[in-house]
Structures are given as structure tokens and as C-alpha cells.
Amino acid sequence: MGVSGSLKRALERSVAAEAHAAPAAAQAKAGRAKHLLLGDSGEELAARYLAGLGFRILCRNVRAGRCEIDIIARDGDELVFAEVRTRSANPVAAPEDSVGPRKLERLIRGASLWTEEHNYNGCWRIDLVAVTVEGNKAPKIEHFRSITEPMA
């Protein structure tokens, strides 16, 4: 089921409004590097965006072996392991370009470990949520479903 353009834009505006309130809270996390704060805010935006699409967020920032899973959610009957990539606007490389074969292998390994540890036998997939931030503009959020082959 796809999302209409107007619904997607409404969700992005809603998430952007929340994002403008977040910098003060992010500044309160004393000692955190700027890129980590950007990543934290991107994960928050991604979780809100997915929830707005009807996903049920189960957990965030989960360790499975040596892998970290940013978001685990339910999309209907399917379990979704979401990788979030947040970048400042860059004409050379978009956030989704930073997920190469090595990262895909780690994502698959982490999701497989998690499903084994939790005795989950249903269908699952790995999605990517790319967040691009540019100054005071509303963040651009792109959702790529099933960035690997569907798993069962």
C-alpha cells in the first residue's frame, strides 16, 4: 500500500514542526558530538514518520550481537528492521548512498540474530529511512522498503 503524495507531505510537515522544537532538548545532552545529535534527531524523526504511516514502533536502538538496529517496528503482519541514515544536505552524497554491501551484511546479520533470540518465525524485512537536513528547511524524509530481499 503506497502513501499518497499529499499524505506524505503532511507527515513531513508534522515531523518538521516537531524537529524545530527539538534542538533545545538536543542541546541539553551535554557532551554529545554534533554528528551524534544529528543522528539522534534523525532517528526520532524517522520513528515519528513511520508511526504516522501506521507502523507500530516496538523498540529502538537495539543491540543484536555486534550490530545495532535503529528501529524495530511492525507493519501489519510484517516485522520491519529500519536503518536510519541522517545527513546534512550534500550534493555529492545522499544519506541512502552511505549504506554499502558491508552495512547490508551487518543489518541482515543483526536482524537474523534478533529473530533467533526472540524465536520469531514470521516474515520480516529491512527498510531504510533517509533523513536530509538543510538549515531551517523542513527535513526531507525518504523511505526505502525492503532494501534486501524479503526474509521469511
N, C-alpha and C. Protein backbone atom coordinates (compact mmCIF):
# COMPACT_ATOMS: atom_id res chain seq x y z
N MET A 1 0.84 -1.18 0.00
CA MET A 1 0.00 0.00 0.00
C MET A 1 0.89 1.24 0.00
N GLY A 2 0.76 2.08 -0.99
CA GLY A 2 1.56 3.29 -1.10
C GLY A 2 0.95 4.43 -0.32
N VAL A 3 1.72 5.46 -0.16
CA VAL A 3 1.26 6.65 0.54
C VAL A 3 1.09 7.75 -0.49
N SER A 4 -0.05 8.41 -0.46
CA SER A 4 -0.28 9.49 -1.42
C SER A 4 0.70 10.62 -1.16
N GLY A 5 0.97 11.38 -2.21
CA GLY A 5 1.91 12.49 -2.09
C GLY A 5 1.48 13.51 -1.06
N SER A 6 0.16 13.82 -1.01
CA SER A 6 -0.30 14.82 -0.05
C SER A 6 -0.18 14.31 1.38
N LEU A 7 -0.45 13.03 1.61
CA LEU A 7 -0.30 12.46 2.95
C LEU A 7 1.17 12.48 3.35
N LYS A 8 2.05 12.11 2.42
CA LYS A 8 3.48 12.11 2.72
C LYS A 8 3.95 13.51 3.08
N ARG A 9 3.51 14.53 2.31
CA ARG A 9 3.91 15.90 2.60
C ARG A 9 3.36 16.36 3.95
N ALA A 10 2.13 15.96 4.29
CA ALA A 10 1.55 16.33 5.59
C ALA A 10 2.35 15.71 6.73
N LEU A 11 2.75 14.44 6.55
CA LEU A 11 3.57 13.78 7.58
C LEU A 11 4.92 14.47 7.72
N GLU A 12 5.53 14.83 6.59
CA GLU A 12 6.82 15.51 6.65
C GLU A 12 6.70 16.86 7.35
N ARG A 13 5.60 17.61 7.08
CA ARG A 13 5.40 18.91 7.75
C ARG A 13 5.21 18.71 9.25
N SER A 14 4.46 17.70 9.63
CA SER A 14 4.22 17.42 11.04
C SER A 14 5.52 17.07 11.75
N VAL A 15 6.31 16.21 11.11
CA VAL A 15 7.59 15.82 11.69
C VAL A 15 8.52 17.01 11.76
N ALA A 16 8.50 17.87 10.74
CA ALA A 16 9.36 19.06 10.73
C ALA A 16 9.01 20.00 11.86
N ALA A 17 7.72 20.16 12.13
CA ALA A 17 7.29 21.04 13.23
C ALA A 17 7.85 20.53 14.55
N GLU A 18 7.82 19.21 14.73
CA GLU A 18 8.38 18.62 15.94
C GLU A 18 9.90 18.84 15.98
N ALA A 19 10.54 18.76 14.83
CA ALA A 19 12.00 18.88 14.77
C ALA A 19 12.47 20.26 15.19
N HIS A 20 11.69 21.30 14.87
CA HIS A 20 12.10 22.65 15.24
C HIS A 20 12.03 22.86 16.74
N ALA A 21 11.23 22.07 17.44
CA ALA A 21 11.15 22.16 18.90
C ALA A 21 12.26 21.35 19.56
N ALA A 22 12.86 20.43 18.82
CA ALA A 22 13.83 19.50 19.39
C ALA A 22 15.22 20.07 19.65
N PRO A 23 15.71 21.08 18.93
CA PRO A 23 17.10 21.50 19.16
C PRO A 23 17.42 21.85 20.59
N ALA A 24 16.52 22.51 21.31
CA ALA A 24 16.80 22.85 22.70
C ALA A 24 16.99 21.60 23.54
N ALA A 25 16.16 20.61 23.31
CA ALA A 25 16.29 19.34 24.04
C ALA A 25 17.60 18.66 23.67
N ALA A 26 17.95 18.73 22.39
CA ALA A 26 19.19 18.10 21.95
C ALA A 26 20.40 18.79 22.58
N GLN A 27 20.34 20.10 22.71
CA GLN A 27 21.45 20.83 23.32
C GLN A 27 21.63 20.42 24.78
N ALA A 28 20.56 19.98 25.40
CA ALA A 28 20.63 19.57 26.80
C ALA A 28 21.48 18.32 26.98
N LYS A 29 21.69 17.57 25.92
CA LYS A 29 22.52 16.37 26.00
C LYS A 29 23.97 16.79 25.95
N ALA A 30 24.43 17.33 27.07
CA ALA A 30 25.77 17.90 27.14
C ALA A 30 26.82 16.86 26.78
N GLY A 31 27.83 17.32 26.06
CA GLY A 31 28.95 16.46 25.75
C GLY A 31 28.78 15.60 24.51
N ARG A 32 27.61 15.57 23.91
CA ARG A 32 27.39 14.75 22.71
C ARG A 32 27.94 15.49 21.50
N ALA A 33 28.63 14.76 20.64
CA ALA A 33 29.16 15.35 19.42
C ALA A 33 28.02 15.78 18.51
N LYS A 34 28.28 16.79 17.70
CA LYS A 34 27.25 17.35 16.83
C LYS A 34 26.66 16.29 15.89
N HIS A 35 27.52 15.43 15.32
CA HIS A 35 27.01 14.41 14.40
C HIS A 35 26.14 13.37 15.12
N LEU A 36 26.42 13.13 16.40
CA LEU A 36 25.58 12.19 17.17
C LEU A 36 24.22 12.81 17.46
N LEU A 37 24.21 14.11 17.76
CA LEU A 37 22.93 14.80 17.98
C LEU A 37 22.11 14.81 16.69
N LEU A 38 22.75 15.00 15.56
CA LEU A 38 22.06 14.96 14.27
C LEU A 38 21.47 13.57 14.05
N GLY A 39 22.24 12.54 14.34
CA GLY A 39 21.75 11.17 14.20
C GLY A 39 20.58 10.88 15.12
N ASP A 40 20.67 11.35 16.38
CA ASP A 40 19.57 11.16 17.33
C ASP A 40 18.30 11.82 16.83
N SER A 41 18.43 13.05 16.33
CA SER A 41 17.22 13.75 15.86
C SER A 41 16.67 13.08 14.61
N GLY A 42 17.54 12.56 13.76
CA GLY A 42 17.08 11.83 12.57
C GLY A 42 16.32 10.57 12.93
N GLU A 43 16.81 9.85 13.94
CA GLU A 43 16.11 8.63 14.38
C GLU A 43 14.74 8.97 14.96
N GLU A 44 14.68 10.07 15.70
CA GLU A 44 13.39 10.49 16.25
C GLU A 44 12.42 10.86 15.14
N LEU A 45 12.90 11.61 14.15
CA LEU A 45 12.06 11.97 13.00
C LEU A 45 11.59 10.72 12.26
N ALA A 46 12.50 9.78 12.06
CA ALA A 46 12.16 8.55 11.33
C ALA A 46 11.11 7.75 12.09
N ALA A 47 11.25 7.64 13.41
CA ALA A 47 10.28 6.88 14.20
C ALA A 47 8.90 7.54 14.12
N ARG A 48 8.85 8.85 14.21
CA ARG A 48 7.57 9.56 14.11
C ARG A 48 6.97 9.41 12.72
N TYR A 49 7.82 9.47 11.71
CA TYR A 49 7.36 9.32 10.33
C TYR A 49 6.75 7.94 10.12
N LEU A 50 7.47 6.89 10.56
CA LEU A 50 6.96 5.53 10.39
C LEU A 50 5.66 5.33 11.18
N ALA A 51 5.61 5.87 12.38
CA ALA A 51 4.38 5.77 13.18
C ALA A 51 3.23 6.47 12.46
N GLY A 52 3.52 7.59 11.82
CA GLY A 52 2.50 8.31 11.07
C GLY A 52 1.99 7.52 9.87
N LEU A 53 2.81 6.60 9.37
CA LEU A 53 2.40 5.73 8.26
C LEU A 53 1.61 4.51 8.75
N GLY A 54 1.48 4.39 10.08
CA GLY A 54 0.74 3.26 10.63
C GLY A 54 1.62 2.16 11.20
N PHE A 55 2.93 2.33 11.16
CA PHE A 55 3.82 1.35 11.75
C PHE A 55 3.69 1.42 13.26
N ARG A 56 3.82 0.29 13.93
CA ARG A 56 3.83 0.28 15.39
C ARG A 56 5.29 0.09 15.81
N ILE A 57 5.84 1.11 16.43
CA ILE A 57 7.24 1.06 16.86
C ILE A 57 7.34 0.15 18.08
N LEU A 58 8.17 -0.89 17.97
CA LEU A 58 8.33 -1.85 19.07
C LEU A 58 9.51 -1.48 19.96
N CYS A 59 10.64 -1.14 19.36
CA CYS A 59 11.80 -0.74 20.14
C CYS A 59 12.79 0.00 19.25
N ARG A 60 13.72 0.67 19.92
CA ARG A 60 14.71 1.47 19.21
C ARG A 60 16.09 1.24 19.80
N ASN A 61 17.09 1.41 18.95
CA ASN A 61 18.50 1.28 19.35
C ASN A 61 18.76 -0.03 20.09
N VAL A 62 18.49 -1.11 19.41
CA VAL A 62 18.61 -2.45 19.97
C VAL A 62 19.92 -3.08 19.54
N ARG A 63 20.59 -3.74 20.45
CA ARG A 63 21.81 -4.47 20.13
C ARG A 63 21.46 -5.92 19.85
N ALA A 64 22.00 -6.45 18.76
CA ALA A 64 21.88 -7.87 18.43
C ALA A 64 23.28 -8.31 18.05
N GLY A 65 23.94 -8.98 18.97
CA GLY A 65 25.34 -9.30 18.75
C GLY A 65 26.13 -8.00 18.70
N ARG A 66 26.93 -7.83 17.65
CA ARG A 66 27.72 -6.61 17.49
C ARG A 66 27.02 -5.58 16.60
N CYS A 67 25.78 -5.85 16.27
CA CYS A 67 25.01 -4.96 15.39
C CYS A 67 24.03 -4.11 16.20
N GLU A 68 23.80 -2.89 15.72
CA GLU A 68 22.77 -2.07 16.32
C GLU A 68 21.65 -1.89 15.32
N ILE A 69 20.43 -2.10 15.79
CA ILE A 69 19.25 -1.92 14.96
C ILE A 69 18.58 -0.64 15.44
N ASP A 70 18.42 0.32 14.52
CA ASP A 70 17.89 1.63 14.89
C ASP A 70 16.44 1.55 15.34
N ILE A 71 15.59 0.91 14.54
CA ILE A 71 14.16 0.83 14.87
C ILE A 71 13.66 -0.56 14.49
N ILE A 72 12.89 -1.15 15.40
CA ILE A 72 12.16 -2.38 15.08
C ILE A 72 10.69 -2.03 15.19
N ALA A 73 9.96 -2.30 14.12
CA ALA A 73 8.55 -1.91 14.06
C ALA A 73 7.73 -3.02 13.42
N ARG A 74 6.45 -2.88 13.55
CA ARG A 74 5.53 -3.81 12.92
C ARG A 74 4.75 -3.03 11.86
N ASP A 75 4.73 -3.57 10.64
CA ASP A 75 3.96 -3.01 9.54
C ASP A 75 2.97 -4.08 9.14
N GLY A 76 1.77 -4.01 9.73
CA GLY A 76 0.79 -5.08 9.51
C GLY A 76 1.30 -6.36 10.14
N ASP A 77 1.40 -7.41 9.33
CA ASP A 77 1.87 -8.70 9.83
C ASP A 77 3.38 -8.86 9.70
N GLU A 78 4.04 -7.87 9.15
CA GLU A 78 5.47 -7.99 8.87
C GLU A 78 6.29 -7.20 9.88
N LEU A 79 7.39 -7.80 10.31
CA LEU A 79 8.33 -7.14 11.20
C LEU A 79 9.31 -6.35 10.34
N VAL A 80 9.60 -5.13 10.75
CA VAL A 80 10.49 -4.26 9.98
C VAL A 80 11.67 -3.84 10.85
N PHE A 81 12.86 -4.06 10.32
CA PHE A 81 14.08 -3.57 10.94
C PHE A 81 14.48 -2.36 10.11
N ALA A 82 14.42 -1.18 10.72
CA ALA A 82 14.69 0.05 9.97
C ALA A 82 16.05 0.63 10.32
N GLU A 83 16.84 0.86 9.30
CA GLU A 83 18.11 1.55 9.42
C GLU A 83 17.83 3.02 9.09
N VAL A 84 18.31 3.92 9.94
CA VAL A 84 18.10 5.34 9.73
C VAL A 84 19.44 5.98 9.40
N ARG A 85 19.47 6.74 8.31
CA ARG A 85 20.66 7.49 7.92
C ARG A 85 20.29 8.95 7.83
N THR A 86 20.98 9.77 8.60
CA THR A 86 20.71 11.21 8.64
C THR A 86 21.96 11.95 8.20
N ARG A 87 21.77 12.88 7.29
CA ARG A 87 22.90 13.67 6.79
C ARG A 87 22.45 15.12 6.60
N SER A 88 23.40 16.02 6.70
CA SER A 88 23.16 17.39 6.27
C SER A 88 23.13 17.36 4.76
N ALA A 89 22.41 18.30 4.16
CA ALA A 89 22.30 18.34 2.71
C ALA A 89 23.69 18.35 2.08
N ASN A 90 23.89 17.50 1.09
CA ASN A 90 25.17 17.37 0.42
C ASN A 90 24.90 16.98 -1.03
N PRO A 91 25.30 17.82 -1.97
CA PRO A 91 25.02 17.50 -3.36
C PRO A 91 25.79 16.28 -3.88
N VAL A 92 26.81 15.86 -3.15
CA VAL A 92 27.64 14.75 -3.61
C VAL A 92 27.09 13.40 -3.16
N ALA A 93 26.63 13.30 -1.91
CA ALA A 93 26.21 12.00 -1.39
C ALA A 93 24.95 12.14 -0.53
N ALA A 94 23.93 11.41 -0.91
CA ALA A 94 22.68 11.38 -0.15
C ALA A 94 22.82 10.36 0.99
N PRO A 95 21.97 10.45 2.02
CA PRO A 95 22.08 9.52 3.14
C PRO A 95 22.02 8.05 2.71
N GLU A 96 21.15 7.75 1.75
CA GLU A 96 20.99 6.35 1.33
C GLU A 96 22.25 5.81 0.64
N ASP A 97 23.09 6.70 0.14
CA ASP A 97 24.33 6.27 -0.51
C ASP A 97 25.35 5.74 0.49
N SER A 98 25.13 5.97 1.77
CA SER A 98 26.09 5.54 2.79
C SER A 98 25.86 4.11 3.25
N VAL A 99 24.90 3.42 2.66
CA VAL A 99 24.64 2.02 3.03
C VAL A 99 25.19 1.13 1.91
N GLY A 100 26.36 0.58 2.17
CA GLY A 100 27.00 -0.28 1.18
C GLY A 100 26.82 -1.75 1.51
N PRO A 101 27.48 -2.61 0.75
CA PRO A 101 27.35 -4.06 0.94
C PRO A 101 27.73 -4.54 2.34
N ARG A 102 28.77 -3.96 2.90
CA ARG A 102 29.21 -4.37 4.25
C ARG A 102 28.13 -4.05 5.29
N LYS A 103 27.53 -2.84 5.18
CA LYS A 103 26.47 -2.45 6.12
C LYS A 103 25.25 -3.33 5.92
N LEU A 104 24.91 -3.64 4.67
CA LEU A 104 23.77 -4.53 4.41
C LEU A 104 23.98 -5.89 5.06
N GLU A 105 25.20 -6.42 4.96
CA GLU A 105 25.50 -7.71 5.61
C GLU A 105 25.29 -7.62 7.12
N ARG A 106 25.74 -6.52 7.72
CA ARG A 106 25.57 -6.34 9.18
C ARG A 106 24.09 -6.22 9.55
N LEU A 107 23.33 -5.51 8.73
CA LEU A 107 21.90 -5.37 9.00
C LEU A 107 21.20 -6.73 8.94
N ILE A 108 21.53 -7.50 7.95
CA ILE A 108 20.93 -8.84 7.81
C ILE A 108 21.34 -9.71 9.00
N ARG A 109 22.61 -9.66 9.35
CA ARG A 109 23.10 -10.46 10.49
C ARG A 109 22.40 -10.04 11.78
N GLY A 110 22.29 -8.73 12.02
CA GLY A 110 21.63 -8.23 13.23
C GLY A 110 20.17 -8.63 13.28
N ALA A 111 19.46 -8.48 12.17
CA ALA A 111 18.04 -8.84 12.14
C ALA A 111 17.88 -10.35 12.34
N SER A 112 18.75 -11.13 11.72
CA SER A 112 18.68 -12.59 11.88
C SER A 112 18.92 -13.00 13.33
N LEU A 113 19.92 -12.39 13.95
CA LEU A 113 20.20 -12.68 15.37
C LEU A 113 19.00 -12.32 16.24
N TRP A 114 18.42 -11.15 16.00
CA TRP A 114 17.29 -10.71 16.81
C TRP A 114 16.11 -11.68 16.66
N THR A 115 15.83 -12.09 15.43
CA THR A 115 14.69 -13.02 15.24
C THR A 115 14.96 -14.36 15.91
N GLU A 116 16.22 -14.82 15.86
CA GLU A 116 16.57 -16.08 16.54
C GLU A 116 16.42 -15.94 18.05
N GLU A 117 16.95 -14.85 18.62
CA GLU A 117 16.89 -14.64 20.06
C GLU A 117 15.46 -14.54 20.57
N HIS A 118 14.56 -14.05 19.73
CA HIS A 118 13.17 -13.86 20.13
C HIS A 118 12.22 -14.91 19.56
N ASN A 119 12.82 -15.97 19.00
CA ASN A 119 12.03 -17.08 18.43
C ASN A 119 10.95 -16.59 17.48
N TYR A 120 11.30 -15.60 16.67
CA TYR A 120 10.36 -15.05 15.70
C TYR A 120 10.50 -15.83 14.39
N ASN A 121 9.39 -16.37 13.90
CA ASN A 121 9.42 -17.17 12.68
C ASN A 121 8.65 -16.57 11.52
N GLY A 122 8.10 -15.37 11.70
CA GLY A 122 7.29 -14.75 10.66
C GLY A 122 8.15 -14.03 9.62
N CYS A 123 7.47 -13.33 8.73
CA CYS A 123 8.15 -12.55 7.68
C CYS A 123 8.73 -11.27 8.25
N TRP A 124 9.87 -10.89 7.72
CA TRP A 124 10.48 -9.64 8.11
C TRP A 124 11.23 -9.05 6.93
N ARG A 125 11.52 -7.75 7.07
CA ARG A 125 12.25 -7.06 6.02
C ARG A 125 13.11 -5.97 6.66
N ILE A 126 14.01 -5.45 5.85
CA ILE A 126 14.86 -4.35 6.30
C ILE A 126 14.55 -3.14 5.43
N ASP A 127 14.19 -2.03 6.08
CA ASP A 127 13.89 -0.78 5.39
C ASP A 127 14.98 0.23 5.73
N LEU A 128 15.08 1.24 4.89
CA LEU A 128 15.98 2.36 5.14
C LEU A 128 15.16 3.64 5.17
N VAL A 129 15.38 4.45 6.19
CA VAL A 129 14.77 5.77 6.26
C VAL A 129 15.92 6.78 6.16
N ALA A 130 15.91 7.55 5.07
CA ALA A 130 16.95 8.55 4.83
C ALA A 130 16.41 9.93 5.18
N VAL A 131 17.11 10.62 6.06
CA VAL A 131 16.69 11.95 6.50
C VAL A 131 17.78 12.94 6.08
N THR A 132 17.37 13.96 5.33
CA THR A 132 18.29 15.00 4.90
C THR A 132 17.88 16.31 5.55
N VAL A 133 18.82 16.93 6.23
CA VAL A 133 18.56 18.17 6.95
C VAL A 133 19.33 19.29 6.25
N GLU A 134 18.63 20.40 6.01
CA GLU A 134 19.28 21.54 5.36
C GLU A 134 18.81 22.83 6.02
N GLY A 135 19.65 23.35 6.89
CA GLY A 135 19.34 24.61 7.56
C GLY A 135 18.00 24.59 8.28
N ASN A 136 17.19 25.63 8.05
CA ASN A 136 15.88 25.74 8.69
C ASN A 136 14.75 25.16 7.85
N LYS A 137 15.09 24.54 6.75
CA LYS A 137 14.06 23.91 5.91
C LYS A 137 13.53 22.66 6.59
N ALA A 138 12.34 22.25 6.20
CA ALA A 138 11.78 21.00 6.72
C ALA A 138 12.67 19.85 6.27
N PRO A 139 12.97 18.91 7.16
CA PRO A 139 13.80 17.77 6.77
C PRO A 139 13.12 16.97 5.65
N LYS A 140 13.93 16.45 4.77
CA LYS A 140 13.43 15.59 3.70
C LYS A 140 13.55 14.15 4.19
N ILE A 141 12.45 13.42 4.16
CA ILE A 141 12.44 12.04 4.64
C ILE A 141 12.06 11.14 3.48
N GLU A 142 12.91 10.15 3.22
CA GLU A 142 12.63 9.17 2.18
C GLU A 142 12.65 7.78 2.82
N HIS A 143 11.67 6.97 2.44
CA HIS A 143 11.53 5.63 2.99
C HIS A 143 11.72 4.62 1.87
N PHE A 144 12.75 3.80 2.02
CA PHE A 144 13.04 2.75 1.06
C PHE A 144 12.68 1.40 1.70
N ARG A 145 11.69 0.75 1.14
CA ARG A 145 11.24 -0.54 1.69
C ARG A 145 12.05 -1.69 1.12
N SER A 146 12.27 -2.69 1.95
CA SER A 146 12.92 -3.94 1.52
C SER A 146 14.21 -3.67 0.78
N ILE A 147 15.19 -3.12 1.47
CA ILE A 147 16.47 -2.82 0.81
C ILE A 147 17.30 -4.08 0.60
N THR A 148 16.84 -5.19 1.16
CA THR A 148 17.42 -6.51 0.89
C THR A 148 16.26 -7.38 0.42
N GLU A 149 16.54 -8.57 0.05
CA GLU A 149 15.46 -9.48 -0.34
C GLU A 149 14.59 -9.75 0.88
N PRO A 150 13.26 -9.87 0.70
CA PRO A 150 12.37 -10.20 1.83
C PRO A 150 12.81 -11.50 2.49
N MET A 151 12.71 -11.53 3.79
CA MET A 151 13.13 -12.70 4.56
C MET A 151 11.93 -13.41 5.17
N ALA A 152 12.04 -14.71 5.30
CA ALA A 152 10.97 -15.49 5.97
C ALA A 152 11.60 -16.51 6.88
